[in-house]
PDB file of N, CA and C in Angstrom:
ATOM      1  N   UNK A   1     -21.133 -25.017  25.321  1.00  0.00           N
ATOM      2  CA  UNK A   1     -21.922 -24.507  24.219  1.00  0.00           C
ATOM      3  C   UNK A   1     -21.364 -23.177  23.725  1.00  0.00           C
ATOM      4  N   UNK A   2     -20.994 -22.285  24.629  1.00  0.00           N
ATOM      5  CA  UNK A   2     -20.456 -20.990  24.239  1.00  0.00           C
ATOM      6  C   UNK A   2     -19.136 -21.144  23.486  1.00  0.00           C
ATOM      7  N   UNK A   3     -18.296 -22.082  23.912  1.00  0.00           N
ATOM      8  CA  UNK A   3     -17.022 -22.314  23.232  1.00  0.00           C
ATOM      9  C   UNK A   3     -17.259 -22.796  21.803  1.00  0.00           C
ATOM     10  N   UNK A   4     -18.225 -23.662  21.618  1.00  0.00           N
ATOM     11  CA  UNK A   4     -18.544 -24.163  20.276  1.00  0.00           C
ATOM     12  C   UNK A   4     -19.070 -23.030  19.412  1.00  0.00           C
ATOM     13  N   UNK A   5     -19.922 -22.189  19.973  1.00  0.00           N
ATOM     14  CA  UNK A   5     -20.485 -21.070  19.229  1.00  0.00           C
ATOM     15  C   UNK A   5     -19.406 -20.063  18.851  1.00  0.00           C
ATOM     16  N   UNK A   6     -18.518 -19.710  19.775  1.00  0.00           N
ATOM     17  CA  UNK A   6     -17.474 -18.736  19.465  1.00  0.00           C
ATOM     18  C   UNK A   6     -16.485 -19.315  18.456  1.00  0.00           C
ATOM     19  N   UNK A   7     -16.201 -20.614  18.544  1.00  0.00           N
ATOM     20  CA  UNK A   7     -15.310 -21.238  17.561  1.00  0.00           C
ATOM     21  C   UNK A   7     -15.950 -21.222  16.174  1.00  0.00           C
ATOM     22  N   UNK A   8     -17.246 -21.490  16.120  1.00  0.00           N
ATOM     23  CA  UNK A   8     -17.942 -21.483  14.834  1.00  0.00           C
ATOM     24  C   UNK A   8     -17.967 -20.096  14.225  1.00  0.00           C
ATOM     25  N   UNK A   9     -18.189 -19.088  15.054  1.00  0.00           N
ATOM     26  CA  UNK A   9     -18.240 -17.716  14.545  1.00  0.00           C
ATOM     27  C   UNK A   9     -16.868 -17.246  14.090  1.00  0.00           C
ATOM     28  N   UNK A  10     -15.828 -17.584  14.841  1.00  0.00           N
ATOM     29  CA  UNK A  10     -14.491 -17.130  14.450  1.00  0.00           C
ATOM     30  C   UNK A  10     -14.032 -17.828  13.177  1.00  0.00           C
ATOM     31  N   UNK A  11     -14.391 -19.084  13.009  1.00  0.00           N
ATOM     32  CA  UNK A  11     -13.985 -19.774  11.779  1.00  0.00           C
ATOM     33  C   UNK A  11     -14.740 -19.227  10.576  1.00  0.00           C
ATOM     34  N   UNK A  12     -15.956 -18.761  10.764  1.00  0.00           N
ATOM     35  CA  UNK A  12     -16.712 -18.162   9.661  1.00  0.00           C
ATOM     36  C   UNK A  12     -16.139 -16.806   9.274  1.00  0.00           C
ATOM     37  N   UNK A  13     -15.753 -16.027  10.277  1.00  0.00           N
ATOM     38  CA  UNK A  13     -15.278 -14.680   9.975  1.00  0.00           C
ATOM     39  C   UNK A  13     -13.885 -14.684   9.360  1.00  0.00           C
ATOM     40  N   UNK A  14     -13.068 -15.694   9.669  1.00  0.00           N
ATOM     41  CA  UNK A  14     -11.721 -15.720   9.121  1.00  0.00           C
ATOM     42  C   UNK A  14     -11.637 -16.464   7.801  1.00  0.00           C
ATOM     43  N   UNK A  15     -12.691 -17.116   7.389  1.00  0.00           N
ATOM     44  CA  UNK A  15     -12.678 -17.833   6.118  1.00  0.00           C
ATOM     45  C   UNK A  15     -12.724 -16.830   4.968  1.00  0.00           C
ATOM     46  N   UNK A  16     -11.754 -16.913   4.055  1.00  0.00           N
ATOM     47  CA  UNK A  16     -11.746 -15.963   2.942  1.00  0.00           C
ATOM     48  C   UNK A  16     -12.866 -16.253   1.953  1.00  0.00           C
ATOM     49  N   UNK A  17     -13.357 -15.211   1.384  1.00  0.00           N
ATOM     50  CA  UNK A  17     -14.380 -15.333   0.354  1.00  0.00           C
ATOM     51  C   UNK A  17     -13.734 -15.876  -0.917  1.00  0.00           C
ATOM     52  N   UNK A  18     -14.496 -16.543  -1.754  1.00  0.00           N
ATOM     53  CA  UNK A  18     -13.941 -17.068  -3.001  1.00  0.00           C
ATOM     54  C   UNK A  18     -13.542 -15.940  -3.946  1.00  0.00           C
ATOM     55  N   UNK A  19     -14.173 -14.780  -3.807  1.00  0.00           N
ATOM     56  CA  UNK A  19     -13.869 -13.653  -4.687  1.00  0.00           C
ATOM     57  C   UNK A  19     -12.646 -12.870  -4.224  1.00  0.00           C
ATOM     58  N   UNK A  20     -12.290 -12.974  -2.946  1.00  0.00           N
ATOM     59  CA  UNK A  20     -11.225 -12.153  -2.384  1.00  0.00           C
ATOM     60  C   UNK A  20      -9.865 -12.345  -3.044  1.00  0.00           C
ATOM     61  N   UNK A  21      -9.339 -13.570  -3.178  1.00  0.00           N
ATOM     62  CA  UNK A  21      -7.999 -13.706  -3.747  1.00  0.00           C
ATOM     63  C   UNK A  21      -7.892 -13.130  -5.155  1.00  0.00           C
ATOM     64  N   UNK A  22      -8.894 -13.337  -5.995  1.00  0.00           N
ATOM     65  CA  UNK A  22      -8.852 -12.780  -7.338  1.00  0.00           C
ATOM     66  C   UNK A  22      -8.902 -11.270  -7.333  1.00  0.00           C
ATOM     67  N   UNK A  23      -9.734 -10.727  -6.463  1.00  0.00           N
ATOM     68  CA  UNK A  23      -9.852  -9.274  -6.367  1.00  0.00           C
ATOM     69  C   UNK A  23      -8.563  -8.656  -5.841  1.00  0.00           C
ATOM     70  N   UNK A  24      -7.998  -9.254  -4.796  1.00  0.00           N
ATOM     71  CA  UNK A  24      -6.759  -8.728  -4.233  1.00  0.00           C
ATOM     72  C   UNK A  24      -5.609  -8.849  -5.226  1.00  0.00           C
ATOM     73  N   UNK A  25      -5.579  -9.933  -5.973  1.00  0.00           N
ATOM     74  CA  UNK A  25      -4.546 -10.096  -6.996  1.00  0.00           C
ATOM     75  C   UNK A  25      -4.696  -9.032  -8.075  1.00  0.00           C
ATOM     76  N   UNK A  26      -5.929  -8.750  -8.465  1.00  0.00           N
ATOM     77  CA  UNK A  26      -6.183  -7.722  -9.475  1.00  0.00           C
ATOM     78  C   UNK A  26      -5.738  -6.352  -8.973  1.00  0.00           C
ATOM     79  N   UNK A  27      -6.096  -6.032  -7.749  1.00  0.00           N
ATOM     80  CA  UNK A  27      -5.690  -4.746  -7.165  1.00  0.00           C
ATOM     81  C   UNK A  27      -4.170  -4.663  -7.083  1.00  0.00           C
ATOM     82  N   UNK A  28      -3.529  -5.751  -6.708  1.00  0.00           N
ATOM     83  CA  UNK A  28      -2.069  -5.781  -6.644  1.00  0.00           C
ATOM     84  C   UNK A  28      -1.428  -5.553  -7.997  1.00  0.00           C
ATOM     85  N   UNK A  29      -1.978  -6.199  -9.028  1.00  0.00           N
ATOM     86  CA  UNK A  29      -1.432  -6.009 -10.383  1.00  0.00           C
ATOM     87  C   UNK A  29      -1.634  -4.584 -10.869  1.00  0.00           C
ATOM     88  N   UNK A  30      -2.781  -3.998 -10.551  1.00  0.00           N
ATOM     89  CA  UNK A  30      -3.035  -2.606 -10.947  1.00  0.00           C
ATOM     90  C   UNK A  30      -2.055  -1.673 -10.234  1.00  0.00           C
ATOM     91  N   UNK A  31      -1.851  -1.881  -8.952  1.00  0.00           N
ATOM     92  CA  UNK A  31      -0.917  -1.039  -8.190  1.00  0.00           C
ATOM     93  C   UNK A  31       0.499  -1.169  -8.740  1.00  0.00           C
ATOM     94  N   UNK A  32       0.915  -2.397  -9.076  1.00  0.00           N
ATOM     95  CA  UNK A  32       2.247  -2.593  -9.650  1.00  0.00           C
ATOM     96  C   UNK A  32       2.375  -1.908 -11.010  1.00  0.00           C
ATOM     97  N   UNK A  33       1.331  -1.975 -11.817  1.00  0.00           N
ATOM     98  CA  UNK A  33       1.361  -1.339 -13.136  1.00  0.00           C
ATOM     99  C   UNK A  33       1.448   0.180 -13.016  1.00  0.00           C
ATOM    100  N   UNK A  34       0.704   0.746 -12.076  1.00  0.00           N
ATOM    101  CA  UNK A  34       0.743   2.197 -11.859  1.00  0.00           C
ATOM    102  C   UNK A  34       2.131   2.606 -11.380  1.00  0.00           C
ATOM    103  N   UNK A  35       2.696   1.853 -10.454  1.00  0.00           N
ATOM    104  CA  UNK A  35       4.036   2.164  -9.942  1.00  0.00           C
ATOM    105  C   UNK A  35       5.075   2.073 -11.064  1.00  0.00           C
ATOM    106  N   UNK A  36       4.982   1.022 -11.885  1.00  0.00           N
ATOM    107  CA  UNK A  36       5.938   0.849 -12.979  1.00  0.00           C
ATOM    108  C   UNK A  36       5.833   1.993 -13.989  1.00  0.00           C
ATOM    109  N   UNK A  37       4.619   2.434 -14.289  1.00  0.00           N
ATOM    110  CA  UNK A  37       4.440   3.545 -15.234  1.00  0.00           C
ATOM    111  C   UNK A  37       5.021   4.833 -14.675  1.00  0.00           C
ATOM    112  N   UNK A  38       4.788   5.090 -13.399  1.00  0.00           N
ATOM    113  CA  UNK A  38       5.364   6.291 -12.775  1.00  0.00           C
ATOM    114  C   UNK A  38       6.883   6.250 -12.805  1.00  0.00           C
ATOM    115  N   UNK A  39       7.450   5.060 -12.566  1.00  0.00           N
ATOM    116  CA  UNK A  39       8.903   4.922 -12.598  1.00  0.00           C
ATOM    117  C   UNK A  39       9.446   5.168 -14.000  1.00  0.00           C
ATOM    118  N   UNK A  40       8.751   4.634 -15.020  1.00  0.00           N
ATOM    119  CA  UNK A  40       9.187   4.878 -16.405  1.00  0.00           C
ATOM    120  C   UNK A  40       9.141   6.364 -16.744  1.00  0.00           C
ATOM    121  N   UNK A  41       8.084   7.044 -16.326  1.00  0.00           N
ATOM    122  CA  UNK A  41       7.992   8.493 -16.578  1.00  0.00           C
ATOM    123  C   UNK A  41       9.113   9.246 -15.882  1.00  0.00           C
ATOM    124  N   UNK A  42       9.367   8.887 -14.622  1.00  0.00           N
ATOM    125  CA  UNK A  42      10.430   9.544 -13.865  1.00  0.00           C
ATOM    126  C   UNK A  42      11.780   9.315 -14.532  1.00  0.00           C
ATOM    127  N   UNK A  43      12.044   8.080 -14.980  1.00  0.00           N
ATOM    128  CA  UNK A  43      13.298   7.772 -15.662  1.00  0.00           C
ATOM    129  C   UNK A  43      13.443   8.582 -16.941  1.00  0.00           C
ATOM    130  N   UNK A  44      12.355   8.717 -17.692  1.00  0.00           N
ATOM    131  CA  UNK A  44      12.387   9.493 -18.932  1.00  0.00           C
ATOM    132  C   UNK A  44      12.642  10.971 -18.633  1.00  0.00           C
ATOM    133  N   UNK A  45      12.037  11.491 -17.572  1.00  0.00           N
ATOM    134  CA  UNK A  45      12.255  12.884 -17.192  1.00  0.00           C
ATOM    135  C   UNK A  45      13.706  13.115 -16.786  1.00  0.00           C
ATOM    136  N   UNK A  46      14.262  12.195 -16.034  1.00  0.00           N
ATOM    137  CA  UNK A  46      15.658  12.337 -15.612  1.00  0.00           C
ATOM    138  C   UNK A  46      16.585  12.236 -16.813  1.00  0.00           C
ATOM    139  N   UNK A  47      16.295  11.324 -17.741  1.00  0.00           N
ATOM    140  CA  UNK A  47      17.116  11.204 -18.949  1.00  0.00           C
ATOM    141  C   UNK A  47      17.071  12.493 -19.769  1.00  0.00           C
ATOM    142  N   UNK A  48      15.892  13.083 -19.898  1.00  0.00           N
ATOM    143  CA  UNK A  48      15.775  14.350 -20.631  1.00  0.00           C
ATOM    144  C   UNK A  48      16.511  15.470 -19.899  1.00  0.00           C
ATOM    145  N   UNK A  49      16.448  15.479 -18.587  1.00  0.00           N
ATOM    146  CA  UNK A  49      17.143  16.472 -17.766  1.00  0.00           C
ATOM    147  C   UNK A  49      18.654  16.369 -17.994  1.00  0.00           C
ATOM    148  N   UNK A  50      19.166  15.137 -18.023  1.00  0.00           N
ATOM    149  CA  UNK A  50      20.607  14.928 -18.234  1.00  0.00           C
ATOM    150  C   UNK A  50      21.002  15.349 -19.642  1.00  0.00           C
ATOM    151  N   UNK A  51      20.218  14.961 -20.633  1.00  0.00           N
ATOM    152  CA  UNK A  51      20.521  15.323 -22.021  1.00  0.00           C
ATOM    153  C   UNK A  51      20.492  16.837 -22.232  1.00  0.00           C
ATOM    154  N   UNK A  52      19.576  17.517 -21.571  1.00  0.00           N
ATOM    155  CA  UNK A  52      19.471  18.969 -21.717  1.00  0.00           C
ATOM    156  C   UNK A  52      20.677  19.681 -21.114  1.00  0.00           C
ATOM    157  N   UNK A  53      21.402  18.995 -20.245  1.00  0.00           N
ATOM    158  CA  UNK A  53      22.566  19.596 -19.599  1.00  0.00           C
ATOM    159  C   UNK A  53      23.881  18.975 -20.062  1.00  0.00           C
ATOM    160  N   UNK A  54      23.896  18.484 -21.289  1.00  0.00           N
ATOM    161  CA  UNK A  54      25.137  18.007 -21.882  1.00  0.00           C
ATOM    162  C   UNK A  54      25.297  16.502 -21.930  1.00  0.00           C
ATOM    163  N   UNK A  55      24.493  15.747 -21.244  1.00  0.00           N
ATOM    164  CA  UNK A  55      24.550  14.301 -21.309  1.00  0.00           C
ATOM    165  C   UNK A  55      25.623  13.647 -20.474  1.00  0.00           C
ATOM    166  N   UNK A  56      26.370  14.440 -19.738  1.00  0.00           N
ATOM    167  CA  UNK A  56      27.436  13.889 -18.900  1.00  0.00           C
ATOM    168  C   UNK A  56      27.063  14.075 -17.435  1.00  0.00           C
ATOM    169  N   UNK A  57      27.117  12.979 -16.680  1.00  0.00           N
ATOM    170  CA  UNK A  57      26.739  13.051 -15.268  1.00  0.00           C
ATOM    171  C   UNK A  57      27.952  13.477 -14.443  1.00  0.00           C
ATOM    172  N   UNK A  58      27.781  14.566 -13.761  1.00  0.00           N
ATOM    173  CA  UNK A  58      28.808  15.075 -12.855  1.00  0.00           C
ATOM    174  C   UNK A  58      28.223  15.114 -11.446  1.00  0.00           C
ATOM    175  N   UNK A  59      29.079  15.410 -10.476  1.00  0.00           N
ATOM    176  CA  UNK A  59      28.593  15.537  -9.104  1.00  0.00           C
ATOM    177  C   UNK A  59      27.535  16.624  -8.996  1.00  0.00           C
ATOM    178  N   UNK A  60      27.780  17.740  -9.686  1.00  0.00           N
ATOM    179  CA  UNK A  60      26.824  18.838  -9.636  1.00  0.00           C
ATOM    180  C   UNK A  60      25.491  18.436 -10.265  1.00  0.00           C
ATOM    181  N   UNK A  61      25.539  17.711 -11.383  1.00  0.00           N
ATOM    182  CA  UNK A  61      24.311  17.272 -12.034  1.00  0.00           C
ATOM    183  C   UNK A  61      23.543  16.285 -11.145  1.00  0.00           C
ATOM    184  N   UNK A  62      24.275  15.402 -10.482  1.00  0.00           N
ATOM    185  CA  UNK A  62      23.616  14.486  -9.550  1.00  0.00           C
ATOM    186  C   UNK A  62      22.910  15.263  -8.439  1.00  0.00           C
ATOM    187  N   UNK A  63      23.555  16.285  -7.939  1.00  0.00           N
ATOM    188  CA  UNK A  63      22.959  17.135  -6.904  1.00  0.00           C
ATOM    189  C   UNK A  63      21.700  17.819  -7.431  1.00  0.00           C
ATOM    190  N   UNK A  64      21.779  18.338  -8.650  1.00  0.00           N
ATOM    191  CA  UNK A  64      20.612  18.985  -9.254  1.00  0.00           C
ATOM    192  C   UNK A  64      19.457  18.000  -9.433  1.00  0.00           C
ATOM    193  N   UNK A  65      19.771  16.792  -9.875  1.00  0.00           N
ATOM    194  CA  UNK A  65      18.727  15.771 -10.035  1.00  0.00           C
ATOM    195  C   UNK A  65      18.087  15.485  -8.682  1.00  0.00           C
ATOM    196  N   UNK A  66      18.910  15.327  -7.659  1.00  0.00           N
ATOM    197  CA  UNK A  66      18.385  15.079  -6.323  1.00  0.00           C
ATOM    198  C   UNK A  66      17.493  16.200  -5.822  1.00  0.00           C
ATOM    199  N   UNK A  67      17.878  17.438  -6.086  1.00  0.00           N
ATOM    200  CA  UNK A  67      17.076  18.575  -5.654  1.00  0.00           C
ATOM    201  C   UNK A  67      15.812  18.728  -6.485  1.00  0.00           C
ATOM    202  N   UNK A  68      15.905  18.480  -7.769  1.00  0.00           N
ATOM    203  CA  UNK A  68      14.781  18.702  -8.668  1.00  0.00           C
ATOM    204  C   UNK A  68      13.729  17.593  -8.603  1.00  0.00           C
ATOM    205  N   UNK A  69      14.182  16.344  -8.521  1.00  0.00           N
ATOM    206  CA  UNK A  69      13.264  15.220  -8.621  1.00  0.00           C
ATOM    207  C   UNK A  69      12.901  14.580  -7.288  1.00  0.00           C
ATOM    208  N   UNK A  70      13.589  14.891  -6.233  1.00  0.00           N
ATOM    209  CA  UNK A  70      13.281  14.238  -4.950  1.00  0.00           C
ATOM    210  C   UNK A  70      12.581  15.126  -3.979  1.00  0.00           C
TER     211      UNK A  70
END
């Protein structure tokens, strides 16, 4: 009897809710969108940084980008 009861309880607790996959997918899409927007902003900032310093990437400029943005 105890084995049947524990099996029933464990199967109930591990069963996903019908709302969970949609909610988790939504949260995942929001997180991806936020990450993508931050990356676009960072890319734009780096592009402006390069343009402000002549538009040519040199070893020194790469070092400055690494120090400034990382």
